[in-house]
């Protein structure tokens, strides 16, 4: 498939929002929910759009391919950060972190929930689990039926009992966000029409986005939080046409962006490193200017997030070019100079 610049813009914007979300200060539930859902879940949409079952040679071949792309970086980055956590991370984080048993991160790693050492990699585990489940559904069902099944699996969380094993390998989040993945995959002809080509279409995208964002902001404050959580992916779907149209507009007016392309290609590295860089900046800023520096300082939140995005750029390139094995790639598949 020919590389599409609008997908790079989608991933770039989504990654920027992920970094902003993780940067202090944190705000009320409603605004945090909206910010989060415009970031990480959008990557599921992009992954679904790029999935083409016709190119797969069978389930085992697909499983090996996804394991190389997802489980290899999941493992390599965990090993690196677990070692750092044992040596310096626990002491820097404070008494609560020091109270955690040294084996806890290992158990979390094997359970696919590396919260202590590599929390953002919940996304990697959820995406792998989601794709393993989605593959046979797509193989067995044609048309929009995989989307229907994905919606049913997601909505089943409304009545699903709270089972601890359901969190292993983020199976619950795989169910939750599968409709977003399925929309990208099953609705590709429709996604290709997400643009500002006509005033009527542009108005429709704006109205749908207003409904989706309105739900994400208002629902956590007015209905049961568990219900709002389960229905959030459907609200994200309403925003996707506008999200995509904006990125296609950027492609048509700005062309291909090297920066967006690099961030899109090195997304796993960005995901792995961003929390630690934010943590270092937070510690330094708190010691220099006092712990209150982050209180309700939204401008500082945005500035730090942009600094993190910029600093991670050369670091991600270094990993991609000189340590590609860490992200499951060979030296032949590095980013071209």
Protein backbone atom coordinates (compact mmCIF):
# COMPACT_ATOMS: atom_id res chain seq x y z
CA UNK A 1 0.00 0.00 0.00
CA UNK A 2 1.29 3.45 -0.96
CA UNK A 3 2.16 5.52 2.10
CA UNK A 4 -0.60 8.02 2.84
CA UNK A 5 0.52 11.25 4.46
CA UNK A 6 -2.85 11.84 6.15
CA UNK A 7 -2.33 8.69 8.22
CA UNK A 8 1.02 10.07 9.37
CA UNK A 9 -0.72 13.29 10.41
CA UNK A 10 -3.35 11.30 12.30
CA UNK A 11 -0.67 9.39 14.21
CA UNK A 12 1.35 12.55 14.85
CA UNK A 13 -1.65 14.42 16.30
CA UNK A 14 -2.73 11.38 18.32
CA UNK A 15 0.77 10.94 19.77
CA UNK A 16 0.97 14.64 20.66
CA UNK A 17 -2.34 14.34 22.52
CA UNK A 18 -1.08 11.21 24.32
CA UNK A 19 1.97 13.16 25.55
CA UNK A 20 -0.20 16.14 26.56
CA UNK A 21 -2.50 13.77 28.46
CA UNK A 22 0.40 12.28 30.43
CA UNK A 23 1.93 15.68 31.23
CA UNK A 24 0.98 17.29 34.56
CA UNK A 25 -1.19 18.85 35.78
CA UNK A 26 -4.13 16.48 35.46
CA UNK A 27 -7.61 17.96 35.26
CA UNK A 28 -11.16 16.85 35.97
CA UNK A 29 -12.49 13.52 34.80
CA UNK A 30 -14.51 14.91 31.90
CA UNK A 31 -11.74 16.87 30.19
CA UNK A 32 -9.17 14.14 30.82
CA UNK A 33 -11.54 11.59 29.26
CA UNK A 34 -11.95 13.72 26.15
CA UNK A 35 -8.21 14.33 25.84
CA UNK A 36 -7.36 10.65 26.33
CA UNK A 37 -9.94 9.44 23.83
CA UNK A 38 -8.68 11.78 21.13
CA UNK A 39 -5.20 10.29 21.58
CA UNK A 40 -4.51 6.60 22.15
CA UNK A 41 -7.78 5.11 20.75
CA UNK A 42 -7.23 6.87 17.41
CA UNK A 43 -4.22 4.60 16.84
CA UNK A 44 -6.62 1.64 16.79
CA UNK A 45 -8.48 3.35 13.94
CA UNK A 46 -5.26 3.80 11.95
CA UNK A 47 -4.21 0.19 12.61
CA UNK A 48 -7.60 -1.08 11.44
CA UNK A 49 -7.41 1.00 8.27
CA UNK A 50 -4.02 -0.52 7.42
CA UNK A 51 -5.08 -4.13 8.10
CA UNK A 52 -5.66 -6.07 4.87
CA UNK A 53 -6.62 -9.68 5.46
CA UNK A 54 -6.20 -10.50 1.76
CA UNK A 55 -2.45 -10.07 2.16
CA UNK A 56 -2.23 -12.52 5.07
CA UNK A 57 -1.05 -16.05 4.36
CA UNK A 58 -2.84 -17.57 7.32
CA UNK A 59 -3.38 -17.06 11.02
CA UNK A 60 0.02 -18.40 12.13
CA UNK A 61 1.82 -16.20 9.63
CA UNK A 62 -0.23 -13.22 10.81
CA UNK A 63 0.51 -14.09 14.44
CA UNK A 64 4.25 -14.22 13.80
CA UNK A 65 4.12 -10.91 11.97
CA UNK A 66 2.24 -9.14 14.76
CA UNK A 67 4.41 -10.73 17.45
CA UNK A 68 7.51 -9.36 15.74
CA UNK A 69 6.04 -5.88 15.41
CA UNK A 70 4.41 -5.69 18.85
CA UNK A 71 5.75 -8.30 21.27
CA UNK A 72 9.42 -7.76 20.42
CA UNK A 73 9.36 -4.05 21.41
CA UNK A 74 7.06 -4.93 24.30
CA UNK A 75 9.80 -7.24 25.59
CA UNK A 76 12.93 -5.23 24.75
CA UNK A 77 11.69 -1.96 26.22
CA UNK A 78 10.39 -3.74 29.31
CA UNK A 79 13.76 -5.36 29.96
CA UNK A 80 15.56 -2.02 29.55
CA UNK A 81 13.20 -0.10 31.81
CA UNK A 82 12.87 -2.86 34.38
CA UNK A 83 16.65 -2.78 34.82
CA UNK A 84 16.55 1.03 35.20
CA UNK A 85 13.67 0.74 37.65
CA UNK A 86 15.62 -1.70 39.81
CA UNK A 87 18.75 0.46 39.81
CA UNK A 88 17.41 4.03 40.13
CA UNK A 89 13.70 4.24 39.31
CA UNK A 90 12.34 2.98 42.61
CA UNK A 91 14.38 5.46 44.65
CA UNK A 92 13.55 8.42 42.42
CA UNK A 93 9.80 7.74 42.48
CA UNK A 94 9.51 7.76 46.27
CA UNK A 95 8.33 5.52 49.15
CA UNK A 96 5.23 4.15 47.38
CA UNK A 97 7.35 2.85 44.50
CA UNK A 98 9.94 1.41 46.89
CA UNK A 99 7.18 -0.55 48.62
CA UNK A 100 6.44 -2.47 45.40
CA UNK A 101 7.93 -5.97 45.35
CA UNK A 102 10.76 -6.31 42.84
CA UNK A 103 8.99 -9.26 41.18
CA UNK A 104 5.69 -7.40 40.66
CA UNK A 105 6.75 -5.85 37.31
CA UNK A 106 7.72 -9.31 36.05
CA UNK A 107 4.29 -10.75 36.88
CA UNK A 108 2.68 -7.76 35.20
CA UNK A 109 4.86 -8.26 32.14
CA UNK A 110 3.74 -11.86 31.67
CA UNK A 111 0.12 -10.88 32.31
CA UNK A 112 0.31 -8.17 29.64
CA UNK A 113 -0.30 -5.35 32.15
CA UNK A 114 3.13 -3.69 32.73
CA UNK A 115 1.70 -0.89 34.87
CA UNK A 116 4.66 -0.29 37.17
CA UNK A 117 7.49 -0.15 34.62
CA UNK A 118 5.86 0.61 31.29
CA UNK A 119 2.27 1.71 31.80
CA UNK A 120 1.65 3.18 28.31
CA UNK A 121 2.32 -0.25 26.81
CA UNK A 122 -1.19 -1.27 27.79
CA UNK A 123 -1.86 -0.11 24.24
CA UNK A 124 0.61 -2.62 22.76
CA UNK A 125 -0.90 -5.51 24.72
CA UNK A 126 -4.46 -4.44 23.88
CA UNK A 127 -3.68 -4.04 20.17
CA UNK A 128 -2.05 -7.48 19.98
CA UNK A 129 -4.99 -9.11 21.79
CA UNK A 130 -7.47 -7.20 19.65
CA UNK A 131 -5.87 -8.25 16.39
CA UNK A 132 -5.66 -11.90 17.44
CA UNK A 133 -9.42 -11.84 18.17
CA UNK A 134 -10.37 -9.75 15.14
CA UNK A 135 -8.52 -11.89 12.58
CA UNK A 136 -10.84 -14.95 12.69
CA UNK A 137 -13.89 -12.67 12.86
CA UNK A 138 -12.78 -10.94 9.67
CA UNK A 139 -11.91 -14.27 8.06
CA UNK A 140 -15.38 -15.70 8.78
CA UNK A 141 -17.56 -12.63 8.21
CA UNK A 142 -17.77 -10.26 5.26
CA UNK A 143 -18.96 -6.70 4.81
CA UNK A 144 -19.88 -4.78 7.94
CA UNK A 145 -20.53 -7.86 10.08
CA UNK A 146 -17.11 -7.71 11.79
CA UNK A 147 -18.04 -4.17 12.90
CA UNK A 148 -21.36 -5.46 14.28
CA UNK A 149 -19.55 -8.19 16.22
CA UNK A 150 -16.99 -5.66 17.48
CA UNK A 151 -19.78 -3.39 18.74
CA UNK A 152 -21.47 -6.29 20.52
CA UNK A 153 -18.20 -7.33 22.17
CA UNK A 154 -17.59 -3.76 23.31
CA UNK A 155 -21.11 -3.23 24.66
CA UNK A 156 -20.97 -6.60 26.44
CA UNK A 157 -18.72 -4.84 28.97
CA UNK A 158 -21.88 -3.16 30.30
CA UNK A 159 -23.06 -6.51 31.68
CA UNK A 160 -19.73 -8.33 31.99
CA UNK A 161 -18.90 -9.25 35.60
CA UNK A 162 -15.66 -7.85 37.02
CA UNK A 163 -13.37 -10.82 36.41
CA UNK A 164 -9.65 -10.38 37.23
CA UNK A 165 -8.49 -12.64 34.39
CA UNK A 166 -10.37 -10.43 31.91
CA UNK A 167 -7.68 -7.79 32.43
CA UNK A 168 -4.87 -10.13 31.37
CA UNK A 169 -3.26 -8.86 28.19
CA UNK A 170 -5.79 -6.03 28.37
CA UNK A 171 -8.54 -8.24 27.02
CA UNK A 172 -11.10 -5.84 28.47
CA UNK A 173 -9.59 -2.90 26.56
CA UNK A 174 -9.30 -5.03 23.42
CA UNK A 175 -13.07 -5.60 23.61
CA UNK A 176 -13.71 -1.96 24.49
CA UNK A 177 -11.86 -0.37 21.57
CA UNK A 178 -12.44 -3.01 18.91
CA UNK A 179 -15.27 -0.99 17.26
CA UNK A 180 -12.78 1.80 16.51
CA UNK A 181 -10.43 -0.73 14.90
CA UNK A 182 -13.32 -2.29 12.98
CA UNK A 183 -14.50 1.09 11.66
CA UNK A 184 -11.04 1.72 10.22
CA UNK A 185 -11.01 -1.73 8.63
CA UNK A 186 -14.61 -2.37 7.54
CA UNK A 187 -15.42 1.18 6.49
CA UNK A 188 -12.37 1.99 4.37
CA UNK A 189 -14.44 3.14 1.34
CA UNK A 190 -16.35 5.45 3.68
CA UNK A 191 -13.16 6.62 5.41
CA UNK A 192 -11.78 7.57 2.00
CA UNK A 193 -14.70 10.02 1.71
CA UNK A 194 -13.93 11.75 5.00
CA UNK A 195 -12.89 15.12 3.59
CA UNK A 196 -14.02 18.73 3.29
CA UNK A 197 -14.95 18.21 -0.37
CA UNK A 198 -18.41 19.79 -0.01
CA UNK A 199 -19.96 22.26 2.47
CA UNK A 200 -22.67 19.76 3.38
CA UNK A 201 -20.13 17.05 4.12
CA UNK A 202 -18.00 19.45 6.16
CA UNK A 203 -21.02 20.51 8.21
CA UNK A 204 -21.94 16.87 8.84
CA UNK A 205 -18.44 16.07 10.13
CA UNK A 206 -18.55 19.11 12.43
CA UNK A 207 -21.95 18.15 13.85
CA UNK A 208 -20.90 14.54 14.45
CA UNK A 209 -17.68 15.68 16.13
CA UNK A 210 -19.64 18.09 18.35
CA UNK A 211 -21.89 15.23 19.46
CA UNK A 212 -18.95 12.92 20.11
CA UNK A 213 -16.87 15.45 22.02
CA UNK A 214 -19.95 16.65 23.90
CA UNK A 215 -20.59 13.13 25.12
CA UNK A 216 -16.95 12.61 26.16
CA UNK A 217 -16.96 15.84 28.17
CA UNK A 218 -20.45 15.74 29.65
CA UNK A 219 -21.15 12.03 30.18
CA UNK A 220 -18.58 11.33 32.97
CA UNK A 221 -20.19 14.09 35.05
CA UNK A 222 -23.83 13.18 34.43
CA UNK A 223 -24.16 9.42 34.05
CA UNK A 224 -22.61 6.36 35.64
CA UNK A 225 -18.85 6.51 35.00
CA UNK A 226 -18.74 2.83 34.02
CA UNK A 227 -21.40 3.37 31.37
CA UNK A 228 -19.67 6.51 30.10
CA UNK A 229 -16.40 4.55 29.88
CA UNK A 230 -17.95 1.75 27.79
CA UNK A 231 -19.76 4.15 25.45
CA UNK A 232 -16.70 6.38 24.91
CA UNK A 233 -15.44 4.45 21.82
CA UNK A 234 -18.75 5.10 20.05
CA UNK A 235 -18.30 8.81 20.79
CA UNK A 236 -14.75 8.64 19.39
CA UNK A 237 -16.15 7.12 16.19
CA UNK A 238 -18.34 10.20 15.75
CA UNK A 239 -15.25 12.42 15.87
CA UNK A 240 -13.19 10.32 13.43
CA UNK A 241 -14.64 11.83 10.21
CA UNK A 242 -13.59 15.36 11.27
CA UNK A 243 -10.26 14.06 12.60
CA UNK A 244 -9.56 12.35 9.26
CA UNK A 245 -10.81 15.27 7.16
CA UNK A 246 -8.46 17.67 8.98
CA UNK A 247 -5.50 15.37 8.36
CA UNK A 248 -6.41 15.01 4.69
CA UNK A 249 -6.62 18.80 4.49
CA UNK A 250 -3.10 18.98 5.96
CA UNK A 251 -1.92 16.47 3.36
CA UNK A 252 -3.42 18.48 0.50
CA UNK A 253 -2.04 21.82 1.71
CA UNK A 254 1.24 20.81 3.36
CA UNK A 255 2.14 17.65 1.50
CA UNK A 256 4.23 14.99 3.19
CA UNK A 257 5.71 15.94 6.53
CA UNK A 258 9.02 14.36 7.48
CA UNK A 259 8.36 15.07 11.14
CA UNK A 260 4.88 13.49 11.09
CA UNK A 261 6.24 10.50 9.18
CA UNK A 262 9.05 9.89 11.66
CA UNK A 263 6.70 10.16 14.65
CA UNK A 264 4.26 7.78 12.94
CA UNK A 265 6.96 5.22 12.18
CA UNK A 266 8.61 5.46 15.60
CA UNK A 267 5.37 5.60 17.57
CA UNK A 268 6.25 2.63 19.79
CA UNK A 269 9.51 4.29 20.84
CA UNK A 270 7.66 7.54 21.59
CA UNK A 271 5.13 5.58 23.62
CA UNK A 272 7.86 3.85 25.61
CA UNK A 273 10.01 6.90 26.39
CA UNK A 274 7.52 9.75 26.86
CA UNK A 275 6.44 9.02 30.44
CA UNK A 276 10.02 8.77 31.65
CA UNK A 277 11.06 12.01 29.99
CA UNK A 278 7.98 13.75 31.42
CA UNK A 279 8.93 12.37 34.84
CA UNK A 280 12.48 13.70 34.61
CA UNK A 281 11.24 17.16 33.56
CA UNK A 282 8.70 17.14 36.39
CA UNK A 283 11.35 16.30 39.00
CA UNK A 284 13.77 18.95 37.72
CA UNK A 285 11.08 21.66 37.44
CA UNK A 286 9.70 20.88 40.91
CA UNK A 287 13.14 21.14 42.51
CA UNK A 288 14.01 24.37 40.71
CA UNK A 289 10.67 26.16 40.99
CA UNK A 290 8.79 24.33 43.71
CA UNK A 291 6.13 21.55 43.61
CA UNK A 292 3.33 24.08 43.07
CA UNK A 293 4.63 25.03 39.62
CA UNK A 294 2.23 22.58 37.97
CA UNK A 295 -0.93 23.63 39.79
CA UNK A 296 -3.56 24.56 37.19
CA UNK A 297 -0.84 25.64 34.76
CA UNK A 298 -2.25 24.50 31.44
CA UNK A 299 0.27 26.56 29.47
CA UNK A 300 3.15 24.78 31.19
CA UNK A 301 1.43 21.46 30.47
CA UNK A 302 1.37 22.20 26.74
CA UNK A 303 4.91 23.60 26.69
CA UNK A 304 6.35 20.53 28.43
CA UNK A 305 4.44 18.22 26.10
CA UNK A 306 5.87 20.00 23.03
CA UNK A 307 9.37 19.87 24.53
CA UNK A 308 8.95 16.14 25.11
CA UNK A 309 7.79 15.61 21.52
CA UNK A 310 10.83 17.53 20.23
CA UNK A 311 13.40 15.83 22.49
CA UNK A 312 12.06 12.37 21.69
CA UNK A 313 12.41 12.98 17.95
CA UNK A 314 16.20 12.39 17.73
CA UNK A 315 16.03 9.64 20.35
CA UNK A 316 13.37 7.77 18.37
CA UNK A 317 15.42 8.16 15.20
CA UNK A 318 18.50 6.76 16.95
CA UNK A 319 16.55 3.66 18.02
CA UNK A 320 15.08 3.26 14.53
CA UNK A 321 18.43 3.60 12.77
CA UNK A 322 20.89 1.94 15.13
CA UNK A 323 18.79 -0.32 17.37
CA UNK A 324 15.99 -1.47 15.03
CA UNK A 325 15.93 -4.91 16.68
CA UNK A 326 14.40 -3.23 19.74
CA UNK A 327 11.26 -2.48 17.73
CA UNK A 328 11.17 -5.77 15.82
CA UNK A 329 12.79 -4.49 12.64
CA UNK A 330 15.87 -5.49 10.70
CA UNK A 331 18.56 -3.06 9.64
CA UNK A 332 17.22 -3.29 6.07
CA UNK A 333 13.89 -1.78 7.20
CA UNK A 334 15.24 1.31 8.92
CA UNK A 335 13.95 4.74 7.95
CA UNK A 336 15.61 5.79 4.73
CA UNK A 337 18.05 8.67 5.02
